[in-house]
Amino acid sequence: MAVLSFVEIADGKIKKASVEAAYYGSKVAESLGTESVAVVLGTADAATLATLGEVGVKKVLHANDARFNNFDSKLYTKLIAEAATTAGAKVIVASFNPNGKLVSSRLSVRLKAGYVPGAVELPVFTGNELVVKKNVYSGKAAAHYKVATDVKIISVNPNSLSPVRTAGATAAVEAFAPSVADSDFTIVVKSVDKITGTIPLTEAELVVSAGRGLKGPENWGMIEELAKEMGAATACSRPVSDVDWRPHHEHVGQTGLTIRPNLYIAIGISGAIQHLAGVNGSKVIVVINTDSEAPFFKAADYGIVGDAFQVVPKLIEEYKKFKAAH
C-alpha cells in the first residue's frame, strides 16, 4: 500500500501547490506507516523531481513523455489511475487547484473512490476510515467528512500547510511508462500563450489587490508599483475585471480564483461576501478603504481608514526605506 500524490511541473519547476500536496501525502503515508509516492507527467529534470524527497516523498513515478506536457483531464485521469495501480495506492492526493479539481473528480468516478475536495488539515484515521476537515459556506464554517471507501482521494487547499523540508533528502526517480493509445489523445494544442513577468496568483504568498475605489484603470500604476516593491502578485475584484480595468485572470472571489496567500492587501474593495469567499483563507488581511463601515474591515486583521491615493504612495515610500535599511 502507498499514498500517491499528483505533482505538476511548470516551466521546469515543481508548482508550489504541488509541493504542498506532496508534503500532505507524505504526512498521510507517515501516519499509515506506508510509502509516499509522487507521479509526474511530462518532461522534467530528474534532479528537480528528486528534491521532492525533502518533503518526504520516497519515490517519483515519472512519465517523461512530451506528449503529456499539455494538461488533458481525461488523459491525466487514466495515467494517474494506472500510476495508483502501479504504486498500490489506496490514498491519492492532489492540489485543490483547477487541474487538481478536474482530475480528482474524474478519478473518484473511475476508481469508485470517496473524494474530499479542499482539505485544510491532515486527516484522522480510524481503521479503514478517515476524517477530513474542509471549509464550507464560503469559509464561514468547517465540516468533517468521513471516507470509508477502499480508495480515498483528497485535494488540498493551497497554503493550508507549510511543508517542513529535510535539506538534502532525495526521492528515487523511476521511469513510468503508462499504456496509451493514439485514441487517448483527444485534445490537440495548437499554441500556448503564457503570462510572463508576473507571479501566478495561485502561487503567490503576497498579493496586492484593488477594486472600484481606484476609480479607473489609469490609477493602477501605484498598485503595480507597490506589488513590485514587495515581490507580490496583483489581483482585483470582479467589478473591476468585468469593466476591463484589469485582466480577468486577476479576478479573485467566489466566481474567480480562490487564493490563500500569507498576506492579502485589499485596496478600495468593500468586501462583498462573494469576494471574501475567494480570499478569506489568507493568513493576514490588510484593508485600506475610505468607508469605515466597509464589510471588509470585519474580516481584516489590520485596517486603514483612508484615501488610497494618499495611503498607497506613503506605503511605497516606507517600504522602499525598509528595504534600503535591510
C-alpha atoms as a PDB file:
ATOM      1  CA  MET A   1       0.000   0.000   0.000  1.00  0.00           C
ATOM      2  CA  ALA A   2       1.143   3.565  -0.686  1.00  0.00           C
ATOM      3  CA  VAL A   3      -0.034   7.158  -0.802  1.00  0.00           C
ATOM      4  CA  LEU A   4       0.187   8.707  -4.277  1.00  0.00           C
ATOM      5  CA  SER A   5       0.498  12.473  -4.858  1.00  0.00           C
ATOM      6  CA  PHE A   6      -0.159  14.116  -8.231  1.00  0.00           C
ATOM      7  CA  VAL A   7       2.642  16.631  -8.837  1.00  0.00           C
ATOM      8  CA  GLU A   8       2.578  19.283 -11.563  1.00  0.00           C
ATOM      9  CA  ILE A   9       5.520  20.934 -13.294  1.00  0.00           C
ATOM     10  CA  ALA A  10       5.514  24.463 -14.764  1.00  0.00           C
ATOM     11  CA  ASP A  11       8.466  25.996 -16.600  1.00  0.00           C
ATOM     12  CA  GLY A  12      10.757  23.290 -15.289  1.00  0.00           C
ATOM     13  CA  LYS A  13       9.810  23.875 -11.662  1.00  0.00           C
ATOM     14  CA  ILE A  14       7.541  21.989  -9.299  1.00  0.00           C
ATOM     15  CA  LYS A  15       4.427  24.053  -8.591  1.00  0.00           C
ATOM     16  CA  LYS A  16       4.247  25.391  -5.048  1.00  0.00           C
ATOM     17  CA  ALA A  17       0.775  23.898  -4.584  1.00  0.00           C
ATOM     18  CA  SER A  18       2.105  20.504  -5.707  1.00  0.00           C
ATOM     19  CA  VAL A  19       4.943  20.646  -3.184  1.00  0.00           C
ATOM     20  CA  GLU A  20       2.300  21.212  -0.501  1.00  0.00           C
ATOM     21  CA  ALA A  21       0.204  18.306  -1.828  1.00  0.00           C
ATOM     22  CA  ALA A  22       3.266  16.041  -1.854  1.00  0.00           C
ATOM     23  CA  TYR A  23       4.085  17.041   1.734  1.00  0.00           C
ATOM     24  CA  TYR A  24       0.471  16.362   2.743  1.00  0.00           C
ATOM     25  CA  GLY A  25       0.662  12.950   1.056  1.00  0.00           C
ATOM     26  CA  SER A  26       3.925  12.191   2.838  1.00  0.00           C
ATOM     27  CA  LYS A  27       2.429  13.017   6.225  1.00  0.00           C
ATOM     28  CA  VAL A  28      -0.561  10.779   5.452  1.00  0.00           C
ATOM     29  CA  ALA A  29       1.822   7.988   4.437  1.00  0.00           C
ATOM     30  CA  GLU A  30       3.765   8.504   7.660  1.00  0.00           C
ATOM     31  CA  SER A  31       0.612   8.144   9.758  1.00  0.00           C
ATOM     32  CA  LEU A  32      -0.300   4.953   7.879  1.00  0.00           C
ATOM     33  CA  GLY A  33       3.201   3.530   8.090  1.00  0.00           C
ATOM     34  CA  THR A  34       3.475   3.267   4.316  1.00  0.00           C
ATOM     35  CA  GLU A  35       5.380   4.796   1.375  1.00  0.00           C
ATOM     36  CA  SER A  36       4.898   8.265  -0.108  1.00  0.00           C
ATOM     37  CA  VAL A  37       4.965   8.184  -3.922  1.00  0.00           C
ATOM     38  CA  ALA A  38       4.544  11.031  -6.426  1.00  0.00           C
ATOM     39  CA  VAL A  39       3.532  10.843 -10.078  1.00  0.00           C
ATOM     40  CA  VAL A  40       4.776  13.421 -12.610  1.00  0.00           C
ATOM     41  CA  LEU A  41       3.509  13.537 -16.196  1.00  0.00           C
ATOM     42  CA  GLY A  42       5.553  15.181 -18.955  1.00  0.00           C
ATOM     43  CA  THR A  43       9.152  16.207 -19.452  1.00  0.00           C
ATOM     44  CA  ALA A  44      11.062  17.339 -16.379  1.00  0.00           C
ATOM     45  CA  ASP A  45      14.573  17.243 -14.980  1.00  0.00           C
ATOM     46  CA  ALA A  46      15.164  14.199 -12.780  1.00  0.00           C
ATOM     47  CA  ALA A  47      17.298  16.199 -10.363  1.00  0.00           C
ATOM     48  CA  THR A  48      14.403  18.623  -9.832  1.00  0.00           C
ATOM     49  CA  LEU A  49      11.980  15.786  -9.177  1.00  0.00           C
ATOM     50  CA  ALA A  50      14.395  14.181  -6.719  1.00  0.00           C
ATOM     51  CA  THR A  51      14.071  17.257  -4.484  1.00  0.00           C
ATOM     52  CA  LEU A  52      10.577  16.041  -3.582  1.00  0.00           C
ATOM     53  CA  GLY A  53      12.450  13.871  -1.126  1.00  0.00           C
ATOM     54  CA  GLU A  54      12.866  16.976   1.022  1.00  0.00           C
ATOM     55  CA  VAL A  55       9.120  16.900   1.776  1.00  0.00           C
ATOM     56  CA  GLY A  56       9.025  13.164   2.466  1.00  0.00           C
ATOM     57  CA  VAL A  57       8.436  11.614  -0.967  1.00  0.00           C
ATOM     58  CA  LYS A  58      10.333   8.334  -1.270  1.00  0.00           C
ATOM     59  CA  LYS A  59       9.700   7.558  -4.942  1.00  0.00           C
ATOM     60  CA  VAL A  60       8.697   9.531  -8.041  1.00  0.00           C
ATOM     61  CA  LEU A  61       6.981   7.775 -10.955  1.00  0.00           C
ATOM     62  CA  HIS A  62       7.997   9.923 -13.919  1.00  0.00           C
ATOM     63  CA  ALA A  63       6.247   9.557 -17.293  1.00  0.00           C
ATOM     64  CA  ASN A  64       8.943  11.507 -19.155  1.00  0.00           C
ATOM     65  CA  ASP A  65       6.985  11.914 -22.386  1.00  0.00           C
ATOM     66  CA  ALA A  66       6.487  15.243 -24.192  1.00  0.00           C
ATOM     67  CA  ARG A  67       3.020  14.094 -25.267  1.00  0.00           C
ATOM     68  CA  PHE A  68       1.913  14.576 -21.657  1.00  0.00           C
ATOM     69  CA  ASN A  69       3.193  18.149 -21.338  1.00  0.00           C
ATOM     70  CA  ASN A  70      -0.194  19.739 -22.041  1.00  0.00           C
ATOM     71  CA  PHE A  71      -2.881  19.091 -19.446  1.00  0.00           C
ATOM     72  CA  ASP A  72      -5.787  16.910 -20.559  1.00  0.00           C
ATOM     73  CA  SER A  73      -8.031  15.912 -17.662  1.00  0.00           C
ATOM     74  CA  LYS A  74      -9.340  12.758 -19.346  1.00  0.00           C
ATOM     75  CA  LEU A  75      -5.869  11.517 -20.306  1.00  0.00           C
ATOM     76  CA  TYR A  76      -4.321  12.519 -16.973  1.00  0.00           C
ATOM     77  CA  THR A  77      -7.058  10.647 -15.120  1.00  0.00           C
ATOM     78  CA  LYS A  78      -6.191   7.451 -16.991  1.00  0.00           C
ATOM     79  CA  LEU A  79      -2.463   7.905 -16.373  1.00  0.00           C
ATOM     80  CA  ILE A  80      -2.795   8.696 -12.666  1.00  0.00           C
ATOM     81  CA  ALA A  81      -5.161   5.756 -12.178  1.00  0.00           C
ATOM     82  CA  GLU A  82      -2.518   3.494 -13.729  1.00  0.00           C
ATOM     83  CA  ALA A  83       0.153   5.048 -11.507  1.00  0.00           C
ATOM     84  CA  ALA A  84      -2.056   4.356  -8.478  1.00  0.00           C
ATOM     85  CA  THR A  85      -2.297   0.706  -9.512  1.00  0.00           C
ATOM     86  CA  THR A  86       1.466   0.527 -10.077  1.00  0.00           C
ATOM     87  CA  ALA A  87       2.155   2.024  -6.638  1.00  0.00           C
ATOM     88  CA  GLY A  88      -0.602   0.067  -4.913  1.00  0.00           C
ATOM     89  CA  ALA A  89      -2.002   3.390  -3.672  1.00  0.00           C
ATOM     90  CA  LYS A  90      -5.107   3.450  -1.503  1.00  0.00           C
ATOM     91  CA  VAL A  91      -4.928   7.204  -0.896  1.00  0.00           C
ATOM     92  CA  ILE A  92      -4.453   9.736  -3.716  1.00  0.00           C
ATOM     93  CA  VAL A  93      -3.622  13.390  -3.014  1.00  0.00           C
ATOM     94  CA  ALA A  94      -3.781  16.372  -5.371  1.00  0.00           C
ATOM     95  CA  SER A  95      -3.891  20.126  -5.018  1.00  0.00           C
ATOM     96  CA  PHE A  96      -7.261  21.879  -4.879  1.00  0.00           C
ATOM     97  CA  ASN A  97      -6.379  23.958  -7.953  1.00  0.00           C
ATOM     98  CA  PRO A  98      -8.053  23.909 -11.403  1.00  0.00           C
ATOM     99  CA  ASN A  99      -6.153  20.874 -12.689  1.00  0.00           C
ATOM    100  CA  GLY A 100      -6.347  19.035  -9.384  1.00  0.00           C
ATOM    101  CA  LYS A 101     -10.103  19.562  -9.176  1.00  0.00           C
ATOM    102  CA  LEU A 102     -10.685  18.179 -12.680  1.00  0.00           C
ATOM    103  CA  VAL A 103      -8.502  15.124 -12.199  1.00  0.00           C
ATOM    104  CA  SER A 104      -9.686  14.296  -8.671  1.00  0.00           C
ATOM    105  CA  SER A 105     -13.372  14.281  -9.581  1.00  0.00           C
ATOM    106  CA  ARG A 106     -12.742  12.079 -12.632  1.00  0.00           C
ATOM    107  CA  LEU A 107     -10.560   9.722 -10.579  1.00  0.00           C
ATOM    108  CA  SER A 108     -13.294   9.460  -7.983  1.00  0.00           C
ATOM    109  CA  VAL A 109     -15.689   8.066 -10.580  1.00  0.00           C
ATOM    110  CA  ARG A 110     -13.092   5.896 -12.315  1.00  0.00           C
ATOM    111  CA  LEU A 111     -11.828   4.300  -9.099  1.00  0.00           C
ATOM    112  CA  LYS A 112     -15.151   4.356  -7.202  1.00  0.00           C
ATOM    113  CA  ALA A 113     -13.317   6.349  -4.557  1.00  0.00           C
ATOM    114  CA  GLY A 114     -14.627   8.700  -1.892  1.00  0.00           C
ATOM    115  CA  TYR A 115     -13.379  12.225  -2.569  1.00  0.00           C
ATOM    116  CA  VAL A 116     -12.971  15.194  -0.216  1.00  0.00           C
ATOM    117  CA  PRO A 117     -12.131  18.441  -2.045  1.00  0.00           C
ATOM    118  CA  GLY A 118     -10.350  21.340  -0.361  1.00  0.00           C
ATOM    119  CA  ALA A 119      -8.904  19.738   2.777  1.00  0.00           C
ATOM    120  CA  VAL A 120      -7.382  22.230   5.211  1.00  0.00           C
ATOM    121  CA  GLU A 121      -5.868  19.826   7.750  1.00  0.00           C
ATOM    122  CA  LEU A 122      -4.306  16.387   7.820  1.00  0.00           C
ATOM    123  CA  PRO A 123      -6.876  13.573   8.096  1.00  0.00           C
ATOM    124  CA  VAL A 124      -7.545  11.460  11.145  1.00  0.00           C
ATOM    125  CA  PHE A 125      -7.604   7.691  10.557  1.00  0.00           C
ATOM    126  CA  THR A 126      -9.747   5.162  12.381  1.00  0.00           C
ATOM    127  CA  GLY A 127      -9.219   1.726  10.938  1.00  0.00           C
ATOM    128  CA  ASN A 128     -10.035   1.907   7.219  1.00  0.00           C
ATOM    129  CA  GLU A 129     -11.902   5.192   7.609  1.00  0.00           C
ATOM    130  CA  LEU A 130     -10.504   8.679   7.512  1.00  0.00           C
ATOM    131  CA  VAL A 131     -11.992  12.007   8.570  1.00  0.00           C
ATOM    132  CA  VAL A 132     -11.027  15.138   6.671  1.00  0.00           C
ATOM    133  CA  LYS A 133     -11.701  18.751   7.630  1.00  0.00           C
ATOM    134  CA  LYS A 134     -12.666  21.291   4.966  1.00  0.00           C
ATOM    135  CA  ASN A 135     -14.234  24.738   4.856  1.00  0.00           C
ATOM    136  CA  VAL A 136     -17.884  25.144   3.881  1.00  0.00           C
ATOM    137  CA  TYR A 137     -20.336  28.023   3.338  1.00  0.00           C
ATOM    138  CA  SER A 138     -17.697  30.187   1.651  1.00  0.00           C
ATOM    139  CA  GLY A 139     -15.321  29.681   4.555  1.00  0.00           C
ATOM    140  CA  LYS A 140     -17.789  30.670   7.269  1.00  0.00           C
ATOM    141  CA  ALA A 141     -17.799  27.203   8.800  1.00  0.00           C
ATOM    142  CA  ALA A 142     -15.889  23.937   8.757  1.00  0.00           C
ATOM    143  CA  ALA A 143     -17.142  20.390   8.225  1.00  0.00           C
ATOM    144  CA  HIS A 144     -15.591  16.983   8.846  1.00  0.00           C
ATOM    145  CA  TYR A 145     -16.108  14.349   6.152  1.00  0.00           C
ATOM    146  CA  LYS A 146     -15.771  10.627   6.795  1.00  0.00           C
ATOM    147  CA  VAL A 147     -14.495   8.462   3.916  1.00  0.00           C
ATOM    148  CA  ALA A 148     -14.795   4.687   4.119  1.00  0.00           C
ATOM    149  CA  THR A 149     -14.228   3.581   0.509  1.00  0.00           C
ATOM    150  CA  ASP A 150     -11.324   1.295  -0.354  1.00  0.00           C
ATOM    151  CA  VAL A 151      -9.561   4.052  -2.319  1.00  0.00           C
ATOM    152  CA  LYS A 152      -9.677   7.584  -0.960  1.00  0.00           C
ATOM    153  CA  ILE A 153      -8.949  10.875  -2.745  1.00  0.00           C
ATOM    154  CA  ILE A 154      -8.113  14.196  -1.076  1.00  0.00           C
ATOM    155  CA  SER A 155      -7.383  17.530  -2.710  1.00  0.00           C
ATOM    156  CA  VAL A 156      -5.570  20.021  -0.503  1.00  0.00           C
ATOM    157  CA  ASN A 157      -6.357  23.724  -0.261  1.00  0.00           C
ATOM    158  CA  PRO A 158      -3.207  25.636  -1.291  1.00  0.00           C
ATOM    159  CA  ASN A 159      -1.311  27.267   1.576  1.00  0.00           C
ATOM    160  CA  SER A 160      -3.132  25.202   4.200  1.00  0.00           C
ATOM    161  CA  LEU A 161       0.069  23.528   5.384  1.00  0.00           C
ATOM    162  CA  SER A 162       3.621  24.816   5.403  1.00  0.00           C
ATOM    163  CA  PRO A 163       5.915  21.996   4.238  1.00  0.00           C
ATOM    164  CA  VAL A 164       8.730  21.111   6.608  1.00  0.00           C
ATOM    165  CA  ARG A 165      11.765  20.258   4.493  1.00  0.00           C
ATOM    166  CA  THR A 166      14.631  17.893   5.221  1.00  0.00           C
ATOM    167  CA  ALA A 167      17.542  19.521   3.410  1.00  0.00           C
ATOM    168  CA  GLY A 168      19.462  17.179   1.137  1.00  0.00           C
ATOM    169  CA  ALA A 169      16.907  14.345   1.214  1.00  0.00           C
ATOM    170  CA  THR A 170      16.162  12.933  -2.231  1.00  0.00           C
ATOM    171  CA  ALA A 171      13.473  10.785  -3.768  1.00  0.00           C
ATOM    172  CA  ALA A 172      14.221   7.894  -6.132  1.00  0.00           C
ATOM    173  CA  VAL A 173      13.038   8.832  -9.643  1.00  0.00           C
ATOM    174  CA  GLU A 174      11.748   5.849 -11.613  1.00  0.00           C
ATOM    175  CA  ALA A 175      10.613   5.685 -15.226  1.00  0.00           C
ATOM    176  CA  PHE A 176       6.862   5.239 -15.563  1.00  0.00           C
ATOM    177  CA  ALA A 177       5.598   4.084 -18.970  1.00  0.00           C
ATOM    178  CA  PRO A 178       1.796   4.033 -18.878  1.00  0.00           C
ATOM    179  CA  SER A 179      -0.087   2.241 -21.623  1.00  0.00           C
ATOM    180  CA  VAL A 180      -1.613   4.784 -24.003  1.00  0.00           C
ATOM    181  CA  ALA A 181      -3.067   4.639 -27.481  1.00  0.00           C
ATOM    182  CA  ASP A 182      -3.407   7.335 -30.125  1.00  0.00           C
ATOM    183  CA  SER A 183      -7.132   7.435 -29.350  1.00  0.00           C
ATOM    184  CA  ASP A 184      -6.325   8.631 -25.810  1.00  0.00           C
ATOM    185  CA  PHE A 185      -5.033  11.955 -27.154  1.00  0.00           C
ATOM    186  CA  THR A 186      -8.335  13.694 -27.831  1.00  0.00           C
ATOM    187  CA  ILE A 187      -7.112  17.282 -27.360  1.00  0.00           C
ATOM    188  CA  VAL A 188      -4.781  18.935 -29.860  1.00  0.00           C
ATOM    189  CA  VAL A 189      -2.953  22.012 -28.557  1.00  0.00           C
ATOM    190  CA  LYS A 190      -2.187  24.451 -31.364  1.00  0.00           C
ATOM    191  CA  SER A 191      -0.447  27.084 -29.270  1.00  0.00           C
ATOM    192  CA  VAL A 192       0.025  28.179 -25.668  1.00  0.00           C
ATOM    193  CA  ASP A 193       0.090  31.820 -24.586  1.00  0.00           C
ATOM    194  CA  LYS A 194       1.628  32.232 -21.164  1.00  0.00           C
ATOM    195  CA  ILE A 195       1.562  35.275 -18.930  1.00  0.00           C
ATOM    196  CA  THR A 196       5.159  36.263 -18.288  1.00  0.00           C
ATOM    197  CA  GLY A 197       6.876  38.607 -15.880  1.00  0.00           C
ATOM    198  CA  THR A 198       4.286  38.234 -13.121  1.00  0.00           C
ATOM    199  CA  ILE A 199       3.860  35.913 -10.163  1.00  0.00           C
ATOM    200  CA  PRO A 200       0.936  33.484 -10.714  1.00  0.00           C
ATOM    201  CA  LEU A 201      -1.816  34.338  -8.246  1.00  0.00           C
ATOM    202  CA  THR A 202      -2.294  30.745  -7.157  1.00  0.00           C
ATOM    203  CA  GLU A 203       1.423  30.515  -6.314  1.00  0.00           C
ATOM    204  CA  ALA A 204       1.828  33.946  -4.692  1.00  0.00           C
ATOM    205  CA  GLU A 205       2.469  34.336  -0.974  1.00  0.00           C
ATOM    206  CA  LEU A 206       1.899  38.109  -1.136  1.00  0.00           C
ATOM    207  CA  VAL A 207      -0.982  39.696  -3.046  1.00  0.00           C
ATOM    208  CA  VAL A 208      -1.906  43.351  -3.576  1.00  0.00           C
ATOM    209  CA  SER A 209      -5.494  43.725  -4.783  1.00  0.00           C
ATOM    210  CA  ALA A 210      -7.693  46.685  -5.678  1.00  0.00           C
ATOM    211  CA  GLY A 211     -11.285  47.453  -6.573  1.00  0.00           C
ATOM    212  CA  ARG A 212     -13.567  50.192  -7.822  1.00  0.00           C
ATOM    213  CA  GLY A 213     -12.172  52.560  -5.229  1.00  0.00           C
ATOM    214  CA  LEU A 214      -9.271  53.142  -7.639  1.00  0.00           C
ATOM    215  CA  LYS A 215     -11.798  54.994  -9.885  1.00  0.00           C
ATOM    216  CA  GLY A 216     -10.241  53.914 -13.167  1.00  0.00           C
ATOM    217  CA  PRO A 217      -7.599  51.729 -14.873  1.00  0.00           C
ATOM    218  CA  GLU A 218      -5.278  54.711 -15.225  1.00  0.00           C
ATOM    219  CA  ASN A 219      -4.696  54.676 -11.457  1.00  0.00           C
ATOM    220  CA  TRP A 220      -3.350  51.139 -11.252  1.00  0.00           C
ATOM    221  CA  GLY A 221       0.269  52.252 -11.548  1.00  0.00           C
ATOM    222  CA  MET A 222       0.651  52.687  -7.785  1.00  0.00           C
ATOM    223  CA  ILE A 223      -0.849  49.228  -7.173  1.00  0.00           C
ATOM    224  CA  GLU A 224       1.639  47.666  -9.575  1.00  0.00           C
ATOM    225  CA  GLU A 225       4.500  49.646  -8.032  1.00  0.00           C
ATOM    226  CA  LEU A 226       3.616  48.511  -4.508  1.00  0.00           C
ATOM    227  CA  ALA A 227       3.345  44.914  -5.696  1.00  0.00           C
ATOM    228  CA  LYS A 228       6.686  45.138  -7.485  1.00  0.00           C
ATOM    229  CA  GLU A 229       8.446  46.547  -4.421  1.00  0.00           C
ATOM    230  CA  MET A 230       7.014  43.770  -2.245  1.00  0.00           C
ATOM    231  CA  GLY A 231       7.521  40.959  -4.751  1.00  0.00           C
ATOM    232  CA  ALA A 232       3.772  40.402  -4.736  1.00  0.00           C
ATOM    233  CA  ALA A 233       1.165  39.427  -7.318  1.00  0.00           C
ATOM    234  CA  THR A 234      -1.630  41.809  -8.306  1.00  0.00           C
ATOM    235  CA  ALA A 235      -5.330  40.961  -8.121  1.00  0.00           C
ATOM    236  CA  CYS A 236      -8.702  42.678  -8.411  1.00  0.00           C
ATOM    237  CA  SER A 237     -12.385  42.396  -7.565  1.00  0.00           C
ATOM    238  CA  ARG A 238     -14.948  41.138 -10.070  1.00  0.00           C
ATOM    239  CA  PRO A 239     -16.492  44.552 -10.968  1.00  0.00           C
ATOM    240  CA  VAL A 240     -13.024  45.724 -11.982  1.00  0.00           C
ATOM    241  CA  SER A 241     -12.420  42.782 -14.323  1.00  0.00           C
ATOM    242  CA  ASP A 242     -15.994  42.980 -15.673  1.00  0.00           C
ATOM    243  CA  VAL A 243     -15.403  46.508 -16.979  1.00  0.00           C
ATOM    244  CA  ASP A 244     -11.948  45.533 -18.309  1.00  0.00           C
ATOM    245  CA  TRP A 245      -9.950  47.753 -15.972  1.00  0.00           C
ATOM    246  CA  ARG A 246      -7.860  44.680 -15.234  1.00  0.00           C
ATOM    247  CA  PRO A 247      -7.453  41.267 -16.962  1.00  0.00           C
ATOM    248  CA  HIS A 248      -9.840  38.506 -15.928  1.00  0.00           C
ATOM    249  CA  HIS A 249      -7.028  36.237 -14.731  1.00  0.00           C
ATOM    250  CA  GLU A 250      -6.548  38.682 -11.814  1.00  0.00           C
ATOM    251  CA  HIS A 251     -10.133  38.334 -10.581  1.00  0.00           C
ATOM    252  CA  VAL A 252     -10.304  36.729  -7.138  1.00  0.00           C
ATOM    253  CA  GLY A 253     -13.524  35.765  -5.407  1.00  0.00           C
ATOM    254  CA  GLN A 254     -16.301  33.199  -5.471  1.00  0.00           C
ATOM    255  CA  THR A 255     -16.587  33.359  -9.274  1.00  0.00           C
ATOM    256  CA  GLY A 256     -12.863  33.892  -9.835  1.00  0.00           C
ATOM    257  CA  LEU A 257      -9.721  32.459  -8.303  1.00  0.00           C
ATOM    258  CA  THR A 258      -9.594  31.268  -4.712  1.00  0.00           C
ATOM    259  CA  ILE A 259      -6.280  32.186  -3.114  1.00  0.00           C
ATOM    260  CA  ARG A 260      -4.683  31.668   0.288  1.00  0.00           C
ATOM    261  CA  PRO A 261      -1.609  33.924   0.439  1.00  0.00           C
ATOM    262  CA  ASN A 262       0.294  34.755   3.598  1.00  0.00           C
ATOM    263  CA  LEU A 263      -0.613  38.428   3.101  1.00  0.00           C
ATOM    264  CA  TYR A 264      -3.558  39.904   1.181  1.00  0.00           C
ATOM    265  CA  ILE A 265      -3.785  43.697   0.876  1.00  0.00           C
ATOM    266  CA  ALA A 266      -7.215  44.890  -0.287  1.00  0.00           C
ATOM    267  CA  ILE A 267      -7.309  48.491  -1.529  1.00  0.00           C
ATOM    268  CA  GLY A 268     -10.599  50.187  -2.360  1.00  0.00           C
ATOM    269  CA  ILE A 269     -12.597  46.932  -2.104  1.00  0.00           C
ATOM    270  CA  SER A 270     -15.751  46.951   0.005  1.00  0.00           C
ATOM    271  CA  GLY A 271     -15.571  43.231   0.769  1.00  0.00           C
ATOM    272  CA  ALA A 272     -18.786  41.689  -0.519  1.00  0.00           C
ATOM    273  CA  ILE A 273     -19.323  38.077   0.544  1.00  0.00           C
ATOM    274  CA  GLN A 274     -18.551  36.875  -2.997  1.00  0.00           C
ATOM    275  CA  HIS A 275     -15.108  38.477  -2.846  1.00  0.00           C
ATOM    276  CA  LEU A 276     -14.422  37.277   0.693  1.00  0.00           C
ATOM    277  CA  ALA A 277     -15.169  33.705  -0.370  1.00  0.00           C
ATOM    278  CA  GLY A 278     -12.087  33.768  -2.562  1.00  0.00           C
ATOM    279  CA  VAL A 279      -9.640  35.342  -0.114  1.00  0.00           C
ATOM    280  CA  ASN A 280     -10.756  34.602   3.448  1.00  0.00           C
ATOM    281  CA  GLY A 281      -8.232  31.781   3.700  1.00  0.00           C
ATOM    282  CA  SER A 282      -5.412  34.349   3.621  1.00  0.00           C
ATOM    283  CA  LYS A 283      -3.165  34.230   6.686  1.00  0.00           C
ATOM    284  CA  VAL A 284      -3.211  38.034   7.142  1.00  0.00           C
ATOM    285  CA  ILE A 285      -5.649  40.507   5.540  1.00  0.00           C
ATOM    286  CA  VAL A 286      -4.973  44.248   5.386  1.00  0.00           C
ATOM    287  CA  VAL A 287      -7.774  46.551   4.225  1.00  0.00           C
ATOM    288  CA  ILE A 288      -7.461  50.154   3.001  1.00  0.00           C
ATOM    289  CA  ASN A 289     -10.766  51.941   2.434  1.00  0.00           C
ATOM    290  CA  THR A 290     -12.294  55.382   2.927  1.00  0.00           C
ATOM    291  CA  ASP A 291     -15.516  53.811   4.243  1.00  0.00           C
ATOM    292  CA  SER A 292     -15.078  52.828   7.880  1.00  0.00           C
ATOM    293  CA  GLU A 293     -18.266  50.730   7.598  1.00  0.00           C
ATOM    294  CA  ALA A 294     -16.979  48.640   4.684  1.00  0.00           C
ATOM    295  CA  PRO A 295     -17.722  44.939   5.372  1.00  0.00           C
ATOM    296  CA  PHE A 296     -14.098  44.023   4.657  1.00  0.00           C
ATOM    297  CA  PHE A 297     -12.955  45.605   7.924  1.00  0.00           C
ATOM    298  CA  LYS A 298     -14.819  42.866   9.842  1.00  0.00           C
ATOM    299  CA  ALA A 299     -12.652  40.228   8.179  1.00  0.00           C
ATOM    300  CA  ALA A 300      -9.419  42.227   8.313  1.00  0.00           C
ATOM    301  CA  ASP A 301      -6.503  41.632  10.655  1.00  0.00           C
ATOM    302  CA  TYR A 302      -5.375  45.226  10.088  1.00  0.00           C
ATOM    303  CA  GLY A 303      -7.270  48.149   8.611  1.00  0.00           C
ATOM    304  CA  ILE A 304      -6.540  51.676   7.458  1.00  0.00           C
ATOM    305  CA  VAL A 305      -9.445  54.084   7.043  1.00  0.00           C
ATOM    306  CA  GLY A 306      -8.122  56.492   4.470  1.00  0.00           C
ATOM    307  CA  ASP A 307      -7.846  57.552   0.844  1.00  0.00           C
ATOM    308  CA  ALA A 308      -5.883  55.021  -1.213  1.00  0.00           C
ATOM    309  CA  PHE A 309      -4.370  57.843  -3.268  1.00  0.00           C
ATOM    310  CA  GLN A 310      -2.750  59.163  -0.100  1.00  0.00           C
ATOM    311  CA  VAL A 311      -2.082  55.908   1.761  1.00  0.00           C
ATOM    312  CA  VAL A 312      -0.580  53.761  -1.001  1.00  0.00           C
ATOM    313  CA  PRO A 313       2.166  56.225  -2.061  1.00  0.00           C
ATOM    314  CA  LYS A 314       3.186  56.515   1.593  1.00  0.00           C
ATOM    315  CA  LEU A 315       3.282  52.720   1.891  1.00  0.00           C
ATOM    316  CA  ILE A 316       5.520  52.524  -1.171  1.00  0.00           C
ATOM    317  CA  GLU A 317       7.814  55.195   0.235  1.00  0.00           C
ATOM    318  CA  GLU A 318       8.067  53.489   3.628  1.00  0.00           C
ATOM    319  CA  TYR A 319       8.607  50.071   2.076  1.00  0.00           C
ATOM    320  CA  LYS A 320      11.479  51.401  -0.009  1.00  0.00           C
ATOM    321  CA  LYS A 321      13.056  52.797   3.166  1.00  0.00           C
ATOM    322  CA  PHE A 322      12.581  49.444   4.878  1.00  0.00           C
ATOM    323  CA  LYS A 323      14.242  47.556   2.010  1.00  0.00           C
ATOM    324  CA  ALA A 324      17.144  50.019   1.932  1.00  0.00           C
ATOM    325  CA  ALA A 325      17.706  49.528   5.660  1.00  0.00           C
ATOM    326  CA  HIS A 326      17.637  45.730   5.413  1.00  0.00           C
END
